[in-house]
Amino acid sequence: RDFVTKSQAHPPVTAILRRRPVEARSGLSRSTIYLRIAQGTFPKSIALGPRTIGWSEEEVSSWIAERIAERDSGRSE
C-alpha cells in the first residue's frame, strides 16, 4: 500500500499572505472574500493562531490566474 503523509498531501507553502495583501492582490473587499470562501469560490484561509489567519500565496495567485483564463476563454463566474 502507498501511504500519503500530510506533508505529501499538501505541498509546502512558500508564503502566507495576511488579509490586506489578499484584498489588494485580488481586488476584493473583506466581506466579498469571506462570502466567496463560504461559496467555495475563493481559497480557504489558514489558521496561524487563535485569532490570526492567512492565505497561501500560491493559492491566491492560482485563483487570480483562473480568473484571467476565464476572461480569455470568454467564460465568467
C-alpha atoms as a PDB file:
ATOM      1  CA  ARG A   1       0.000   0.000   0.000  1.00  0.00           C
ATOM      2  CA  ASP A   2       1.027   3.558  -0.629  1.00  0.00           C
ATOM      3  CA  PHE A   3       0.664   5.798   2.377  1.00  0.00           C
ATOM      4  CA  VAL A   4       0.463   9.539   1.938  1.00  0.00           C
ATOM      5  CA  THR A   5       1.753  11.666   4.756  1.00  0.00           C
ATOM      6  CA  LYS A   6       0.340  15.109   5.447  1.00  0.00           C
ATOM      7  CA  SER A   7       3.461  16.727   4.005  1.00  0.00           C
ATOM      8  CA  GLN A   8       2.981  14.768   0.768  1.00  0.00           C
ATOM      9  CA  ALA A   9      -0.748  15.543   0.537  1.00  0.00           C
ATOM     10  CA  HIS A  10      -0.179  19.311   0.618  1.00  0.00           C
ATOM     11  CA  PRO A  11       2.994  20.724  -0.877  1.00  0.00           C
ATOM     12  CA  PRO A  12       4.813  23.244   1.299  1.00  0.00           C
ATOM     13  CA  VAL A  13       3.525  26.797   1.089  1.00  0.00           C
ATOM     14  CA  THR A  14       6.154  29.316   0.053  1.00  0.00           C
ATOM     15  CA  ALA A  15       4.486  32.339   1.653  1.00  0.00           C
ATOM     16  CA  ILE A  16       1.461  33.234   3.743  1.00  0.00           C
ATOM     17  CA  LEU A  17      -0.430  36.433   2.933  1.00  0.00           C
ATOM     18  CA  ARG A  18      -2.454  38.294   5.526  1.00  0.00           C
ATOM     19  CA  ARG A  19      -5.888  39.740   4.744  1.00  0.00           C
ATOM     20  CA  ARG A  20      -4.950  43.210   3.498  1.00  0.00           C
ATOM     21  CA  PRO A  21      -2.425  41.951   0.930  1.00  0.00           C
ATOM     22  CA  VAL A  22      -5.027  39.381  -0.208  1.00  0.00           C
ATOM     23  CA  GLU A  23      -7.555  42.199  -0.639  1.00  0.00           C
ATOM     24  CA  ALA A  24      -5.010  44.231  -2.618  1.00  0.00           C
ATOM     25  CA  ARG A  25      -3.991  41.340  -4.889  1.00  0.00           C
ATOM     26  CA  SER A  26      -7.491  40.017  -5.513  1.00  0.00           C
ATOM     27  CA  GLY A  27      -9.261  43.369  -5.760  1.00  0.00           C
ATOM     28  CA  LEU A  28     -11.965  42.003  -3.455  1.00  0.00           C
ATOM     29  CA  SER A  29     -13.252  43.534  -0.229  1.00  0.00           C
ATOM     30  CA  ARG A  30     -13.028  41.717   3.092  1.00  0.00           C
ATOM     31  CA  SER A  31     -16.724  40.803   3.072  1.00  0.00           C
ATOM     32  CA  THR A  32     -16.566  39.525  -0.520  1.00  0.00           C
ATOM     33  CA  ILE A  33     -13.547  37.354   0.285  1.00  0.00           C
ATOM     34  CA  TYR A  34     -15.405  35.707   3.173  1.00  0.00           C
ATOM     35  CA  LEU A  35     -18.572  35.337   1.093  1.00  0.00           C
ATOM     36  CA  ARG A  36     -16.646  33.627  -1.706  1.00  0.00           C
ATOM     37  CA  ILE A  37     -14.880  31.334   0.782  1.00  0.00           C
ATOM     38  CA  ALA A  38     -18.326  30.303   2.086  1.00  0.00           C
ATOM     39  CA  GLN A  39     -19.455  29.709  -1.520  1.00  0.00           C
ATOM     40  CA  GLY A  40     -16.339  27.654  -2.229  1.00  0.00           C
ATOM     41  CA  THR A  41     -15.114  30.034  -4.942  1.00  0.00           C
ATOM     42  CA  PHE A  42     -12.063  31.510  -3.161  1.00  0.00           C
ATOM     43  CA  PRO A  43      -9.169  29.767  -1.391  1.00  0.00           C
ATOM     44  CA  LYS A  44      -9.779  28.920   2.260  1.00  0.00           C
ATOM     45  CA  SER A  45      -7.808  30.735   4.908  1.00  0.00           C
ATOM     46  CA  ILE A  46      -5.146  29.064   7.051  1.00  0.00           C
ATOM     47  CA  ALA A  47      -5.278  29.359  10.846  1.00  0.00           C
ATOM     48  CA  LEU A  48      -1.992  30.817  12.078  1.00  0.00           C
ATOM     49  CA  GLY A  49      -3.022  31.291  15.684  1.00  0.00           C
ATOM     50  CA  PRO A  50      -6.118  31.680  17.850  1.00  0.00           C
ATOM     51  CA  ARG A  51      -7.111  34.972  16.177  1.00  0.00           C
ATOM     52  CA  THR A  52      -4.812  35.099  13.171  1.00  0.00           C
ATOM     53  CA  ILE A  53      -5.346  33.784   9.649  1.00  0.00           C
ATOM     54  CA  GLY A  54      -3.614  33.999   6.319  1.00  0.00           C
ATOM     55  CA  TRP A  55      -3.807  32.617   2.808  1.00  0.00           C
ATOM     56  CA  SER A  56      -1.390  30.606   0.724  1.00  0.00           C
ATOM     57  CA  GLU A  57       0.218  32.989  -1.751  1.00  0.00           C
ATOM     58  CA  GLU A  58       0.261  30.174  -4.319  1.00  0.00           C
ATOM     59  CA  GLU A  59      -3.475  29.505  -3.928  1.00  0.00           C
ATOM     60  CA  VAL A  60      -4.356  33.194  -4.238  1.00  0.00           C
ATOM     61  CA  SER A  61      -2.110  33.536  -7.295  1.00  0.00           C
ATOM     62  CA  SER A  62      -3.732  30.448  -8.844  1.00  0.00           C
ATOM     63  CA  TRP A  63      -7.191  31.895  -8.178  1.00  0.00           C
ATOM     64  CA  ILE A  64      -6.181  35.102  -9.961  1.00  0.00           C
ATOM     65  CA  ALA A  65      -4.731  33.117 -12.881  1.00  0.00           C
ATOM     66  CA  GLU A  66      -8.027  31.189 -13.157  1.00  0.00           C
ATOM     67  CA  ARG A  67      -9.971  34.476 -13.387  1.00  0.00           C
ATOM     68  CA  ILE A  68      -7.659  35.610 -16.198  1.00  0.00           C
ATOM     69  CA  ALA A  69      -8.060  32.266 -18.005  1.00  0.00           C
ATOM     70  CA  GLU A  70     -11.861  32.540 -17.707  1.00  0.00           C
ATOM     71  CA  ARG A  71     -11.732  36.038 -19.145  1.00  0.00           C
ATOM     72  CA  ASP A  72      -9.537  34.929 -22.035  1.00  0.00           C
ATOM     73  CA  SER A  73     -11.772  31.960 -22.836  1.00  0.00           C
ATOM     74  CA  GLY A  74     -14.915  34.067 -22.740  1.00  0.00           C
ATOM     75  CA  ARG A  75     -16.323  32.369 -19.624  1.00  0.00           C
ATOM     76  CA  SER A  76     -17.180  34.135 -16.389  1.00  0.00           C
ATOM     77  CA  GLU A  77     -18.130  33.146 -12.863  1.00  0.00           C
END
